[in-house]
């Protein structure tokens, strides 16, 4: 199945602006194949924020703005990101 329009838009935006994009819900194999700035992940919720932070650190990014969905998943992701970044 091809990626949906939302996935395509995020992929193009991330690649064009050299901004890391993580597709956490896309199962399309082509979503991340075209750019080093785009990744897919299928990891436990407890690891997602930590791995994203490590990826940004490896890319040399020193400052980020963090927004998240105000629910258990979003808060957990933000907390794990903060603890690692």
N, C-alpha and C. Protein backbone atom coordinates (compact mmCIF):
# COMPACT_ATOMS: atom_id res chain seq x y z
N UNK A 1 0.84 -1.18 0.00
CA UNK A 1 0.00 0.00 0.00
C UNK A 1 0.89 1.24 0.00
N UNK A 2 0.61 2.21 -0.86
CA UNK A 2 1.42 3.43 -0.90
C UNK A 2 1.16 4.31 0.33
N UNK A 3 2.09 5.20 0.65
CA UNK A 3 1.89 6.10 1.79
C UNK A 3 0.71 7.04 1.53
N UNK A 4 0.06 7.47 2.61
CA UNK A 4 -1.05 8.40 2.44
C UNK A 4 -0.53 9.81 2.21
N UNK A 5 -1.41 10.74 1.87
CA UNK A 5 -1.00 12.11 1.53
C UNK A 5 -0.30 12.81 2.69
N UNK A 6 -0.76 12.56 3.90
CA UNK A 6 -0.14 13.17 5.07
C UNK A 6 1.31 12.71 5.22
N UNK A 7 1.54 11.42 5.04
CA UNK A 7 2.90 10.88 5.12
C UNK A 7 3.78 11.46 4.03
N UNK A 8 3.25 11.56 2.82
CA UNK A 8 4.00 12.13 1.70
C UNK A 8 4.36 13.59 1.99
N UNK A 9 3.41 14.36 2.49
CA UNK A 9 3.65 15.77 2.79
C UNK A 9 4.74 15.95 3.84
N UNK A 10 4.69 15.15 4.91
CA UNK A 10 5.71 15.25 5.95
C UNK A 10 7.08 14.85 5.41
N UNK A 11 7.12 13.83 4.56
CA UNK A 11 8.38 13.38 3.99
C UNK A 11 9.00 14.47 3.11
N UNK A 12 8.20 15.08 2.26
CA UNK A 12 8.69 16.15 1.38
C UNK A 12 9.16 17.34 2.21
N UNK A 13 8.38 17.73 3.21
CA UNK A 13 8.73 18.87 4.05
C UNK A 13 10.03 18.61 4.81
N UNK A 14 10.17 17.46 5.41
CA UNK A 14 11.37 17.12 6.15
C UNK A 14 12.60 17.09 5.27
N UNK A 15 12.48 16.51 4.10
CA UNK A 15 13.61 16.42 3.18
C UNK A 15 14.01 17.79 2.64
N UNK A 16 13.02 18.58 2.25
CA UNK A 16 13.28 19.90 1.68
C UNK A 16 13.92 20.84 2.69
N UNK A 17 13.42 20.81 3.91
CA UNK A 17 13.91 21.73 4.94
C UNK A 17 15.03 21.15 5.80
N UNK A 18 15.44 19.92 5.48
CA UNK A 18 16.46 19.22 6.26
C UNK A 18 16.09 19.20 7.74
N UNK A 19 14.86 18.77 7.96
CA UNK A 19 14.28 18.70 9.31
C UNK A 19 13.94 17.24 9.60
N UNK A 20 14.46 16.68 10.68
CA UNK A 20 14.16 15.27 10.98
C UNK A 20 12.66 15.02 11.13
N UNK A 21 12.20 14.00 10.46
CA UNK A 21 10.79 13.59 10.52
C UNK A 21 10.77 12.11 10.89
N UNK A 22 9.95 11.77 11.86
CA UNK A 22 9.80 10.38 12.24
C UNK A 22 8.35 9.98 12.00
N UNK A 23 8.15 9.03 11.13
CA UNK A 23 6.81 8.49 10.87
C UNK A 23 6.57 7.38 11.88
N UNK A 24 5.73 7.64 12.85
CA UNK A 24 5.49 6.64 13.87
C UNK A 24 4.31 5.75 13.55
N UNK A 25 3.53 6.10 12.54
CA UNK A 25 2.34 5.31 12.25
C UNK A 25 2.27 4.87 10.79
N UNK A 26 3.29 5.14 10.03
CA UNK A 26 3.26 4.78 8.62
C UNK A 26 3.88 3.41 8.41
N UNK A 27 3.16 2.56 7.70
CA UNK A 27 3.69 1.22 7.43
C UNK A 27 4.22 1.12 6.00
N UNK A 28 4.14 2.20 5.24
CA UNK A 28 4.61 2.17 3.85
C UNK A 28 6.13 2.13 3.82
N UNK A 29 6.66 1.14 3.13
CA UNK A 29 8.12 0.98 3.06
C UNK A 29 8.79 2.16 2.38
N UNK A 30 8.09 2.85 1.51
CA UNK A 30 8.68 3.96 0.77
C UNK A 30 8.68 5.27 1.55
N UNK A 31 8.07 5.33 2.72
CA UNK A 31 7.99 6.58 3.48
C UNK A 31 9.33 7.14 3.86
N UNK A 32 10.29 6.30 4.16
CA UNK A 32 11.59 6.78 4.63
C UNK A 32 12.73 6.46 3.68
N UNK A 33 12.44 5.82 2.58
CA UNK A 33 13.49 5.36 1.68
C UNK A 33 14.17 6.48 0.90
N UNK A 34 13.54 7.64 0.78
CA UNK A 34 14.05 8.67 -0.10
C UNK A 34 14.92 9.72 0.55
N UNK A 35 15.10 9.70 1.86
CA UNK A 35 15.82 10.78 2.52
C UNK A 35 16.45 10.34 3.83
N UNK A 36 17.63 10.91 4.12
CA UNK A 36 18.25 10.65 5.42
C UNK A 36 17.53 11.39 6.54
N UNK A 37 16.67 12.33 6.20
CA UNK A 37 15.96 13.15 7.18
C UNK A 37 14.65 12.50 7.62
N UNK A 38 14.29 11.39 7.03
CA UNK A 38 13.01 10.76 7.32
C UNK A 38 13.24 9.34 7.81
N UNK A 39 12.57 9.00 8.90
CA UNK A 39 12.72 7.66 9.46
C UNK A 39 11.37 7.11 9.88
N UNK A 40 11.29 5.81 9.94
CA UNK A 40 10.12 5.14 10.48
C UNK A 40 10.54 4.45 11.76
N UNK A 41 9.63 4.32 12.67
CA UNK A 41 9.96 3.57 13.88
C UNK A 41 8.75 2.81 14.39
N UNK A 42 9.01 1.63 14.84
CA UNK A 42 8.00 0.77 15.42
C UNK A 42 8.54 0.25 16.73
N UNK A 43 8.74 1.14 17.65
CA UNK A 43 9.36 0.80 18.92
C UNK A 43 8.37 0.98 20.07
N UNK A 44 8.67 0.38 21.21
CA UNK A 44 7.82 0.61 22.39
C UNK A 44 7.77 2.11 22.71
N UNK A 45 6.64 2.56 23.19
CA UNK A 45 6.46 3.97 23.51
C UNK A 45 7.57 4.50 24.42
N UNK A 46 8.03 3.68 25.34
CA UNK A 46 9.03 4.13 26.31
C UNK A 46 10.38 4.46 25.67
N UNK A 47 10.64 3.97 24.45
CA UNK A 47 11.91 4.23 23.78
C UNK A 47 11.83 5.33 22.72
N UNK A 48 10.65 5.65 22.25
CA UNK A 48 10.54 6.57 21.12
C UNK A 48 11.16 7.94 21.39
N UNK A 49 10.85 8.55 22.51
CA UNK A 49 11.39 9.87 22.83
C UNK A 49 12.90 9.86 22.99
N UNK A 50 13.41 8.82 23.63
CA UNK A 50 14.86 8.71 23.85
C UNK A 50 15.61 8.56 22.53
N UNK A 51 15.09 7.75 21.65
CA UNK A 51 15.77 7.52 20.37
C UNK A 51 15.70 8.77 19.49
N UNK A 52 14.57 9.47 19.51
CA UNK A 52 14.47 10.72 18.76
C UNK A 52 15.50 11.72 19.26
N UNK A 53 15.62 11.86 20.57
CA UNK A 53 16.60 12.79 21.15
C UNK A 53 18.02 12.40 20.74
N UNK A 54 18.35 11.13 20.79
CA UNK A 54 19.69 10.68 20.40
C UNK A 54 19.97 10.97 18.93
N UNK A 55 18.95 10.81 18.09
CA UNK A 55 19.11 11.08 16.65
C UNK A 55 19.40 12.55 16.41
N UNK A 56 18.69 13.41 17.10
CA UNK A 56 18.91 14.85 16.94
C UNK A 56 20.29 15.25 17.44
N UNK A 57 20.72 14.66 18.53
CA UNK A 57 22.05 14.93 19.07
C UNK A 57 23.12 14.52 18.06
N UNK A 58 22.95 13.34 17.46
CA UNK A 58 23.90 12.86 16.45
C UNK A 58 23.95 13.79 15.23
N UNK A 59 22.84 14.42 14.91
CA UNK A 59 22.80 15.36 13.79
C UNK A 59 23.38 16.73 14.15
N UNK A 60 23.75 16.90 15.41
CA UNK A 60 24.34 18.15 15.85
C UNK A 60 23.33 19.21 16.25
N UNK A 61 22.09 18.81 16.40
CA UNK A 61 21.05 19.78 16.78
C UNK A 61 21.14 20.02 18.28
N UNK A 62 21.21 21.29 18.66
CA UNK A 62 21.41 21.64 20.07
C UNK A 62 20.17 22.24 20.74
N UNK A 63 19.26 22.79 19.94
CA UNK A 63 18.03 23.39 20.50
C UNK A 63 16.83 22.85 19.75
N UNK A 64 15.76 22.58 20.48
CA UNK A 64 14.52 22.13 19.86
C UNK A 64 13.34 22.79 20.57
N UNK A 65 12.24 22.88 19.87
CA UNK A 65 10.97 23.26 20.48
C UNK A 65 10.16 21.97 20.60
N UNK A 66 9.65 21.70 21.75
CA UNK A 66 8.95 20.44 21.99
C UNK A 66 7.46 20.69 22.19
N UNK A 67 6.66 20.12 21.34
CA UNK A 67 5.21 20.15 21.51
C UNK A 67 4.73 18.71 21.51
N UNK A 68 3.62 18.45 22.15
CA UNK A 68 3.12 17.09 22.22
C UNK A 68 1.61 17.09 22.48
N UNK A 69 1.00 15.97 22.15
CA UNK A 69 -0.42 15.78 22.41
C UNK A 69 -0.60 15.61 23.92
N UNK A 70 -1.55 16.29 24.48
CA UNK A 70 -1.76 16.25 25.93
C UNK A 70 -2.56 15.01 26.33
N UNK A 71 -1.92 13.86 26.19
CA UNK A 71 -2.50 12.60 26.67
C UNK A 71 -1.36 11.75 27.22
N UNK A 72 -1.66 10.57 27.69
CA UNK A 72 -0.62 9.73 28.30
C UNK A 72 0.53 9.45 27.35
N UNK A 73 0.21 9.14 26.09
CA UNK A 73 1.25 8.85 25.12
C UNK A 73 2.13 10.09 24.89
N UNK A 74 1.50 11.23 24.62
CA UNK A 74 2.24 12.46 24.35
C UNK A 74 3.11 12.89 25.52
N UNK A 75 2.55 12.81 26.72
CA UNK A 75 3.33 13.20 27.91
C UNK A 75 4.50 12.26 28.13
N UNK A 76 4.28 10.97 27.94
CA UNK A 76 5.36 9.99 28.11
C UNK A 76 6.46 10.20 27.08
N UNK A 77 6.07 10.45 25.84
CA UNK A 77 7.04 10.70 24.78
C UNK A 77 7.86 11.94 25.11
N UNK A 78 7.19 13.02 25.51
CA UNK A 78 7.89 14.27 25.85
C UNK A 78 8.82 14.06 27.05
N UNK A 79 8.36 13.37 28.06
CA UNK A 79 9.20 13.13 29.24
C UNK A 79 10.45 12.33 28.89
N UNK A 80 10.28 11.29 28.07
CA UNK A 80 11.43 10.49 27.67
C UNK A 80 12.39 11.28 26.79
N UNK A 81 11.84 12.13 25.92
CA UNK A 81 12.68 12.98 25.09
C UNK A 81 13.50 13.93 25.97
N UNK A 82 12.82 14.60 26.90
CA UNK A 82 13.49 15.56 27.79
C UNK A 82 14.61 14.90 28.59
N UNK A 83 14.35 13.70 29.08
CA UNK A 83 15.34 13.02 29.92
C UNK A 83 16.61 12.68 29.14
N UNK A 84 16.49 12.53 27.84
CA UNK A 84 17.63 12.14 27.01
C UNK A 84 18.30 13.34 26.35
N UNK A 85 17.54 14.37 26.00
CA UNK A 85 18.09 15.51 25.29
C UNK A 85 18.62 16.51 26.28
